[in-house]
Amino acid sequence: MKFNEIINQDKPVLVDFFAEWCGPCKTMSPILKEVKEVVGDNVSIIKLDVDKNPSTAQYFQVQGVPTLVLFKNGKVLWRQSGVVSKSQLVQILNNYN
């Protein structure tokens, strides 16, 4: 499935723009796993490596990593750069579900 198809779904899709060399991105990874356990199938969570997908990162004006962007029906509902706590992320996702 292509990126545009994924973010155009009816359900919210959280995209983690990350890079392998990024320390805070490594911190975000287990947080996202825990968030997925809480929200289940209500939200899709995908990771996008900015070094392997520079045009997509550029299109969404991702300046720093990690940057989390929440999409639904192709629209950006929320975005934030840096590490986000599990509780904050769950609350945000529940607001848009």
C-alpha atoms as a PDB file:
ATOM      1  CA  MET A   1       0.000   0.000   0.000  1.00  0.00           C
ATOM      2  CA  LYS A   2       1.319   3.445  -0.900  1.00  0.00           C
ATOM      3  CA  PHE A   3       1.806   6.214   1.660  1.00  0.00           C
ATOM      4  CA  ASN A   4      -1.037   8.320   0.195  1.00  0.00           C
ATOM      5  CA  GLU A   5      -3.411   5.359   0.377  1.00  0.00           C
ATOM      6  CA  ILE A   6      -2.472   4.777   4.005  1.00  0.00           C
ATOM      7  CA  ILE A   7      -3.022   8.385   5.138  1.00  0.00           C
ATOM      8  CA  ASN A   8      -6.308   8.661   3.203  1.00  0.00           C
ATOM      9  CA  GLN A   9      -8.024   6.032   5.345  1.00  0.00           C
ATOM     10  CA  ASP A  10     -11.174   6.704   7.347  1.00  0.00           C
ATOM     11  CA  LYS A  11      -9.415   5.882  10.579  1.00  0.00           C
ATOM     12  CA  PRO A  12      -6.634   8.020  12.071  1.00  0.00           C
ATOM     13  CA  VAL A  13      -3.082   7.184  10.990  1.00  0.00           C
ATOM     14  CA  LEU A  14      -0.170   8.315  13.140  1.00  0.00           C
ATOM     15  CA  VAL A  15       3.047   8.640  11.154  1.00  0.00           C
ATOM     16  CA  ASP A  16       6.362   8.662  12.997  1.00  0.00           C
ATOM     17  CA  PHE A  17       8.899  10.452  10.787  1.00  0.00           C
ATOM     18  CA  PHE A  18      12.212   9.137  12.119  1.00  0.00           C
ATOM     19  CA  ALA A  19      15.854   8.442  11.262  1.00  0.00           C
ATOM     20  CA  GLU A  20      18.058   5.511  12.273  1.00  0.00           C
ATOM     21  CA  TRP A  21      20.760   7.849  13.658  1.00  0.00           C
ATOM     22  CA  CYS A  22      18.314   9.842  15.816  1.00  0.00           C
ATOM     23  CA  GLY A  23      18.558   9.244  19.587  1.00  0.00           C
ATOM     24  CA  PRO A  24      15.120  10.668  20.522  1.00  0.00           C
ATOM     25  CA  CYS A  25      13.595   8.511  17.736  1.00  0.00           C
ATOM     26  CA  LYS A  26      14.860   5.419  19.563  1.00  0.00           C
ATOM     27  CA  THR A  27      13.151   6.729  22.717  1.00  0.00           C
ATOM     28  CA  MET A  28       9.877   7.147  20.791  1.00  0.00           C
ATOM     29  CA  SER A  29       9.796   3.570  19.462  1.00  0.00           C
ATOM     30  CA  PRO A  30       8.799   1.725  22.685  1.00  0.00           C
ATOM     31  CA  ILE A  31       6.365   4.544  23.544  1.00  0.00           C
ATOM     32  CA  LEU A  32       4.592   3.992  20.213  1.00  0.00           C
ATOM     33  CA  LYS A  33       4.392   0.241  20.893  1.00  0.00           C
ATOM     34  CA  GLU A  34       2.721   0.924  24.259  1.00  0.00           C
ATOM     35  CA  VAL A  35       0.347   3.441  22.669  1.00  0.00           C
ATOM     36  CA  LYS A  36      -0.614   0.854  20.020  1.00  0.00           C
ATOM     37  CA  GLU A  37      -1.497  -1.618  22.792  1.00  0.00           C
ATOM     38  CA  VAL A  38      -3.872   0.966  24.294  1.00  0.00           C
ATOM     39  CA  VAL A  39      -5.533   2.269  21.106  1.00  0.00           C
ATOM     40  CA  GLY A  40      -5.545  -1.081  19.292  1.00  0.00           C
ATOM     41  CA  ASP A  41      -7.009  -1.123  15.795  1.00  0.00           C
ATOM     42  CA  ASN A  42      -8.711   2.275  16.177  1.00  0.00           C
ATOM     43  CA  VAL A  43      -5.517   3.979  14.991  1.00  0.00           C
ATOM     44  CA  SER A  44      -2.835   2.863  12.537  1.00  0.00           C
ATOM     45  CA  ILE A  45       0.729   3.694  13.552  1.00  0.00           C
ATOM     46  CA  ILE A  46       3.430   3.633  10.896  1.00  0.00           C
ATOM     47  CA  LYS A  47       7.076   4.663  10.828  1.00  0.00           C
ATOM     48  CA  LEU A  48       8.646   6.522   7.918  1.00  0.00           C
ATOM     49  CA  ASP A  49      12.430   6.781   7.625  1.00  0.00           C
ATOM     50  CA  VAL A  50      13.199  10.330   6.413  1.00  0.00           C
ATOM     51  CA  ASP A  51      16.548   9.242   4.966  1.00  0.00           C
ATOM     52  CA  LYS A  52      14.867   6.606   2.791  1.00  0.00           C
ATOM     53  CA  ASN A  53      11.865   8.822   1.921  1.00  0.00           C
ATOM     54  CA  PRO A  54      13.277  12.362   1.624  1.00  0.00           C
ATOM     55  CA  SER A  55      10.615  13.605  -0.806  1.00  0.00           C
ATOM     56  CA  THR A  56       7.763  12.602   1.526  1.00  0.00           C
ATOM     57  CA  ALA A  57       9.500  14.206   4.501  1.00  0.00           C
ATOM     58  CA  GLN A  58      10.104  17.350   2.470  1.00  0.00           C
ATOM     59  CA  TYR A  59       6.495  17.451   1.235  1.00  0.00           C
ATOM     60  CA  PHE A  60       5.238  17.459   4.831  1.00  0.00           C
ATOM     61  CA  GLN A  61       7.928  19.974   5.854  1.00  0.00           C
ATOM     62  CA  VAL A  62       9.514  17.674   8.407  1.00  0.00           C
ATOM     63  CA  GLN A  63      12.482  19.697   9.697  1.00  0.00           C
ATOM     64  CA  GLY A  64      13.515  17.551  12.643  1.00  0.00           C
ATOM     65  CA  VAL A  65      13.029  14.008  13.844  1.00  0.00           C
ATOM     66  CA  PRO A  66      11.122  12.535  15.455  1.00  0.00           C
ATOM     67  CA  THR A  67       8.081  14.312  14.067  1.00  0.00           C
ATOM     68  CA  LEU A  68       4.685  12.738  14.669  1.00  0.00           C
ATOM     69  CA  VAL A  69       1.868  13.587  12.262  1.00  0.00           C
ATOM     70  CA  LEU A  70      -1.712  12.394  12.657  1.00  0.00           C
ATOM     71  CA  PHE A  71      -3.696  12.006   9.439  1.00  0.00           C
ATOM     72  CA  LYS A  72      -7.308  11.134   8.743  1.00  0.00           C
ATOM     73  CA  ASN A  73      -8.787  11.119   5.247  1.00  0.00           C
ATOM     74  CA  GLY A  74      -5.522  12.639   3.989  1.00  0.00           C
ATOM     75  CA  LYS A  75      -5.761  15.703   6.256  1.00  0.00           C
ATOM     76  CA  VAL A  76      -3.270  16.598   8.978  1.00  0.00           C
ATOM     77  CA  LEU A  77      -5.147  16.674  12.288  1.00  0.00           C
ATOM     78  CA  TRP A  78      -2.157  17.168  14.591  1.00  0.00           C
ATOM     79  CA  ARG A  79       1.626  17.255  14.473  1.00  0.00           C
ATOM     80  CA  GLN A  80       4.461  17.660  16.913  1.00  0.00           C
ATOM     81  CA  SER A  81       8.219  17.306  16.812  1.00  0.00           C
ATOM     82  CA  GLY A  82      10.195  15.697  19.602  1.00  0.00           C
ATOM     83  CA  VAL A  83       9.385  12.931  22.042  1.00  0.00           C
ATOM     84  CA  VAL A  84       5.752  12.763  23.170  1.00  0.00           C
ATOM     85  CA  SER A  85       4.756  10.860  26.319  1.00  0.00           C
ATOM     86  CA  LYS A  86       2.505   7.813  26.130  1.00  0.00           C
ATOM     87  CA  SER A  87      -0.285   9.444  28.159  1.00  0.00           C
ATOM     88  CA  GLN A  88      -0.232  12.613  26.044  1.00  0.00           C
ATOM     89  CA  LEU A  89      -0.258  10.626  22.811  1.00  0.00           C
ATOM     90  CA  VAL A  90      -3.116   8.357  23.912  1.00  0.00           C
ATOM     91  CA  GLN A  91      -5.155  11.413  24.907  1.00  0.00           C
ATOM     92  CA  ILE A  92      -4.515  13.111  21.552  1.00  0.00           C
ATOM     93  CA  LEU A  93      -5.418   9.975  19.583  1.00  0.00           C
ATOM     94  CA  ASN A  94      -8.600   9.464  21.611  1.00  0.00           C
ATOM     95  CA  ASN A  95      -9.636  13.054  20.847  1.00  0.00           C
ATOM     96  CA  TYR A  96      -9.503  12.354  17.102  1.00  0.00           C
ATOM     97  CA  ASN A  97     -10.970   8.879  17.137  1.00  0.00           C
END
